[in-house]
N, C-alpha and C. Protein backbone atom coordinates (compact mmCIF):
# COMPACT_ATOMS: atom_id res chain seq x y z
N UNK A 1 27.77 4.71 11.79
CA UNK A 1 26.50 4.77 11.10
C UNK A 1 25.74 5.99 11.60
N UNK A 2 25.21 6.75 10.68
CA UNK A 2 24.51 7.97 11.07
C UNK A 2 23.12 7.67 11.61
N UNK A 3 22.62 8.60 12.39
CA UNK A 3 21.28 8.47 12.96
C UNK A 3 20.24 8.37 11.85
N UNK A 4 20.46 9.11 10.78
CA UNK A 4 19.52 9.08 9.65
C UNK A 4 19.42 7.67 9.06
N UNK A 5 20.57 7.01 8.89
CA UNK A 5 20.58 5.65 8.34
C UNK A 5 19.90 4.67 9.29
N UNK A 6 20.17 4.82 10.58
CA UNK A 6 19.55 3.94 11.58
C UNK A 6 18.03 4.11 11.54
N UNK A 7 17.58 5.36 11.47
CA UNK A 7 16.15 5.63 11.40
C UNK A 7 15.53 5.03 10.13
N UNK A 8 16.24 5.16 9.02
CA UNK A 8 15.71 4.61 7.76
C UNK A 8 15.66 3.09 7.81
N UNK A 9 16.71 2.47 8.35
CA UNK A 9 16.72 1.00 8.52
C UNK A 9 15.52 0.55 9.35
N UNK A 10 15.30 1.23 10.45
CA UNK A 10 14.19 0.89 11.34
C UNK A 10 12.86 1.03 10.63
N UNK A 11 12.69 2.11 9.90
CA UNK A 11 11.44 2.34 9.16
C UNK A 11 11.21 1.25 8.12
N UNK A 12 12.25 0.90 7.38
CA UNK A 12 12.11 -0.13 6.35
C UNK A 12 11.80 -1.49 6.95
N UNK A 13 12.47 -1.81 8.05
CA UNK A 13 12.21 -3.09 8.71
C UNK A 13 10.78 -3.16 9.24
N UNK A 14 10.29 -2.06 9.78
CA UNK A 14 8.90 -2.02 10.26
C UNK A 14 7.92 -2.17 9.10
N UNK A 15 8.22 -1.49 8.01
CA UNK A 15 7.37 -1.59 6.82
C UNK A 15 7.28 -3.03 6.35
N UNK A 16 8.41 -3.73 6.32
CA UNK A 16 8.42 -5.11 5.86
C UNK A 16 7.78 -6.06 6.86
N UNK A 17 7.76 -5.69 8.12
CA UNK A 17 7.06 -6.50 9.12
C UNK A 17 5.56 -6.45 8.86
N UNK A 18 5.08 -5.26 8.53
CA UNK A 18 3.65 -5.07 8.26
C UNK A 18 3.27 -5.61 6.88
N UNK A 19 4.14 -5.38 5.91
CA UNK A 19 3.85 -5.78 4.53
C UNK A 19 5.10 -6.41 3.90
N UNK A 20 5.32 -7.70 4.14
CA UNK A 20 6.54 -8.36 3.66
C UNK A 20 6.67 -8.40 2.14
N UNK A 21 5.58 -8.14 1.43
CA UNK A 21 5.63 -8.17 -0.04
C UNK A 21 5.95 -6.81 -0.66
N UNK A 22 6.26 -5.82 0.16
CA UNK A 22 6.57 -4.48 -0.34
C UNK A 22 7.94 -4.50 -1.00
N UNK A 23 7.94 -4.66 -2.32
CA UNK A 23 9.18 -4.79 -3.07
C UNK A 23 10.06 -3.56 -3.03
N UNK A 24 9.47 -2.39 -3.07
CA UNK A 24 10.30 -1.18 -3.07
C UNK A 24 11.00 -1.00 -1.73
N UNK A 25 10.31 -1.32 -0.63
CA UNK A 25 10.94 -1.23 0.70
C UNK A 25 12.06 -2.26 0.82
N UNK A 26 11.82 -3.48 0.32
CA UNK A 26 12.83 -4.52 0.40
C UNK A 26 14.06 -4.14 -0.44
N UNK A 27 13.82 -3.58 -1.60
CA UNK A 27 14.92 -3.15 -2.47
C UNK A 27 15.74 -2.05 -1.80
N UNK A 28 15.05 -1.08 -1.23
CA UNK A 28 15.75 0.01 -0.55
C UNK A 28 16.54 -0.51 0.66
N UNK A 29 15.93 -1.44 1.41
CA UNK A 29 16.62 -2.01 2.57
C UNK A 29 17.87 -2.77 2.13
N UNK A 30 17.76 -3.58 1.10
CA UNK A 30 18.91 -4.34 0.60
C UNK A 30 20.03 -3.39 0.16
N UNK A 31 19.66 -2.33 -0.54
CA UNK A 31 20.66 -1.35 -0.99
C UNK A 31 21.34 -0.67 0.19
N UNK A 32 20.55 -0.29 1.17
CA UNK A 32 21.11 0.36 2.36
C UNK A 32 22.03 -0.59 3.11
N UNK A 33 21.63 -1.85 3.26
CA UNK A 33 22.48 -2.83 3.93
C UNK A 33 23.80 -3.01 3.18
N UNK A 34 23.75 -3.00 1.87
CA UNK A 34 24.99 -3.07 1.08
C UNK A 34 25.90 -1.89 1.40
N UNK A 35 25.34 -0.71 1.44
CA UNK A 35 26.14 0.49 1.74
C UNK A 35 26.75 0.42 3.12
N UNK A 36 26.10 -0.32 4.01
CA UNK A 36 26.60 -0.47 5.38
C UNK A 36 27.50 -1.71 5.53
N UNK A 37 27.89 -2.28 4.40
CA UNK A 37 28.75 -3.47 4.37
C UNK A 37 28.13 -4.67 5.08
N UNK A 38 26.82 -4.77 5.02
CA UNK A 38 26.09 -5.92 5.57
C UNK A 38 25.65 -6.81 4.40
N UNK A 39 26.66 -7.31 3.66
CA UNK A 39 26.39 -8.03 2.42
C UNK A 39 25.56 -9.28 2.62
N UNK A 40 25.80 -10.01 3.70
CA UNK A 40 25.05 -11.26 3.91
C UNK A 40 23.56 -10.98 4.12
N UNK A 41 23.26 -9.99 4.94
CA UNK A 41 21.86 -9.64 5.17
C UNK A 41 21.23 -9.04 3.91
N UNK A 42 22.00 -8.22 3.20
CA UNK A 42 21.50 -7.66 1.94
C UNK A 42 21.18 -8.77 0.95
N UNK A 43 22.04 -9.78 0.89
CA UNK A 43 21.84 -10.91 -0.03
C UNK A 43 20.51 -11.62 0.26
N UNK A 44 20.19 -11.79 1.52
CA UNK A 44 18.91 -12.42 1.90
C UNK A 44 17.75 -11.63 1.30
N UNK A 45 17.81 -10.31 1.42
CA UNK A 45 16.72 -9.47 0.91
C UNK A 45 16.68 -9.46 -0.62
N UNK A 46 17.85 -9.43 -1.26
CA UNK A 46 17.87 -9.48 -2.72
C UNK A 46 17.26 -10.79 -3.21
N UNK A 47 17.58 -11.91 -2.53
CA UNK A 47 17.02 -13.20 -2.94
C UNK A 47 15.51 -13.25 -2.73
N UNK A 48 15.04 -12.66 -1.67
CA UNK A 48 13.59 -12.61 -1.42
C UNK A 48 12.89 -11.78 -2.50
N UNK A 49 13.52 -10.69 -2.88
CA UNK A 49 12.97 -9.83 -3.93
C UNK A 49 12.94 -10.59 -5.26
N UNK A 50 14.01 -11.32 -5.57
CA UNK A 50 14.05 -12.09 -6.81
C UNK A 50 13.02 -13.21 -6.81
N UNK A 51 12.80 -13.83 -5.66
CA UNK A 51 11.78 -14.88 -5.56
C UNK A 51 10.39 -14.32 -5.85
N UNK A 52 10.15 -13.10 -5.41
CA UNK A 52 8.85 -12.46 -5.63
C UNK A 52 8.71 -11.93 -7.06
N UNK A 53 9.85 -11.53 -7.65
CA UNK A 53 9.85 -10.98 -9.00
C UNK A 53 11.06 -11.51 -9.76
N UNK A 54 10.92 -12.67 -10.40
CA UNK A 54 12.06 -13.30 -11.09
C UNK A 54 12.67 -12.45 -12.21
N UNK A 55 11.97 -11.42 -12.65
CA UNK A 55 12.50 -10.55 -13.70
C UNK A 55 13.18 -9.30 -13.16
N UNK A 56 13.35 -9.21 -11.85
CA UNK A 56 13.92 -8.01 -11.25
C UNK A 56 15.42 -7.90 -11.54
N UNK A 57 15.75 -6.94 -12.38
CA UNK A 57 17.15 -6.70 -12.70
C UNK A 57 17.90 -6.19 -11.48
N UNK A 58 17.26 -5.33 -10.67
CA UNK A 58 17.91 -4.82 -9.46
C UNK A 58 18.28 -5.95 -8.52
N UNK A 59 17.38 -6.91 -8.35
CA UNK A 59 17.66 -8.05 -7.47
C UNK A 59 18.80 -8.88 -8.01
N UNK A 60 18.80 -9.13 -9.31
CA UNK A 60 19.88 -9.92 -9.92
C UNK A 60 21.23 -9.22 -9.76
N UNK A 61 21.24 -7.91 -9.98
CA UNK A 61 22.48 -7.15 -9.81
C UNK A 61 22.93 -7.15 -8.35
N UNK A 62 21.98 -7.01 -7.42
CA UNK A 62 22.31 -7.04 -6.00
C UNK A 62 22.91 -8.37 -5.59
N UNK A 63 22.33 -9.46 -6.08
CA UNK A 63 22.85 -10.79 -5.78
C UNK A 63 24.26 -10.93 -6.36
N UNK A 64 24.45 -10.44 -7.57
CA UNK A 64 25.78 -10.53 -8.21
C UNK A 64 26.83 -9.75 -7.42
N UNK A 65 26.44 -8.66 -6.79
CA UNK A 65 27.40 -7.88 -5.98
C UNK A 65 27.66 -8.54 -4.64
N UNK A 66 26.61 -9.05 -4.00
CA UNK A 66 26.73 -9.54 -2.62
C UNK A 66 27.27 -10.96 -2.51
N UNK A 67 26.86 -11.84 -3.40
CA UNK A 67 27.23 -13.25 -3.27
C UNK A 67 28.74 -13.46 -3.17
N UNK A 68 29.55 -12.82 -4.02
CA UNK A 68 31.00 -13.03 -3.89
C UNK A 68 31.56 -12.51 -2.56
N UNK A 69 30.96 -11.48 -2.01
CA UNK A 69 31.45 -10.91 -0.75
C UNK A 69 31.20 -11.83 0.43
N UNK A 70 30.18 -12.66 0.34
CA UNK A 70 29.88 -13.57 1.44
C UNK A 70 30.34 -15.00 1.12
N UNK A 71 31.05 -15.14 0.00
CA UNK A 71 31.62 -16.43 -0.34
C UNK A 71 30.63 -17.46 -0.84
N UNK A 72 29.54 -17.00 -1.41
CA UNK A 72 28.54 -17.93 -1.94
C UNK A 72 28.57 -17.86 -3.46
N UNK A 73 28.53 -19.01 -4.12
CA UNK A 73 28.52 -18.99 -5.59
C UNK A 73 27.19 -18.45 -6.11
N UNK A 74 27.25 -17.85 -7.27
CA UNK A 74 26.03 -17.37 -7.91
C UNK A 74 25.28 -18.57 -8.46
N UNK A 75 23.99 -18.62 -8.24
CA UNK A 75 23.17 -19.72 -8.74
C UNK A 75 21.89 -19.15 -9.31
N UNK A 76 21.42 -19.81 -10.34
CA UNK A 76 20.12 -19.43 -10.87
C UNK A 76 19.05 -19.94 -9.94
N UNK A 77 17.99 -19.15 -9.73
CA UNK A 77 16.91 -19.65 -8.87
C UNK A 77 16.23 -20.83 -9.54
N UNK A 78 15.84 -21.81 -8.75
CA UNK A 78 15.19 -22.99 -9.34
C UNK A 78 13.69 -22.92 -9.25
């Protein structure tokens, strides 16, 4: 993992600590985690994003990519 990615991960995590509702930071973090093959952690963030914005196509696509990798069935949010 490059230093640049580590720095970006740290920045995004700090941003979400201060403002957990920052959808763009959460989306970027989930995408970065996917690129780093951290599908389970990315899935958590995609689900949080979808809970905050049920119409988020990016979150739905992220869940569709990550869920099979972590062995979880796709489910509609209730």
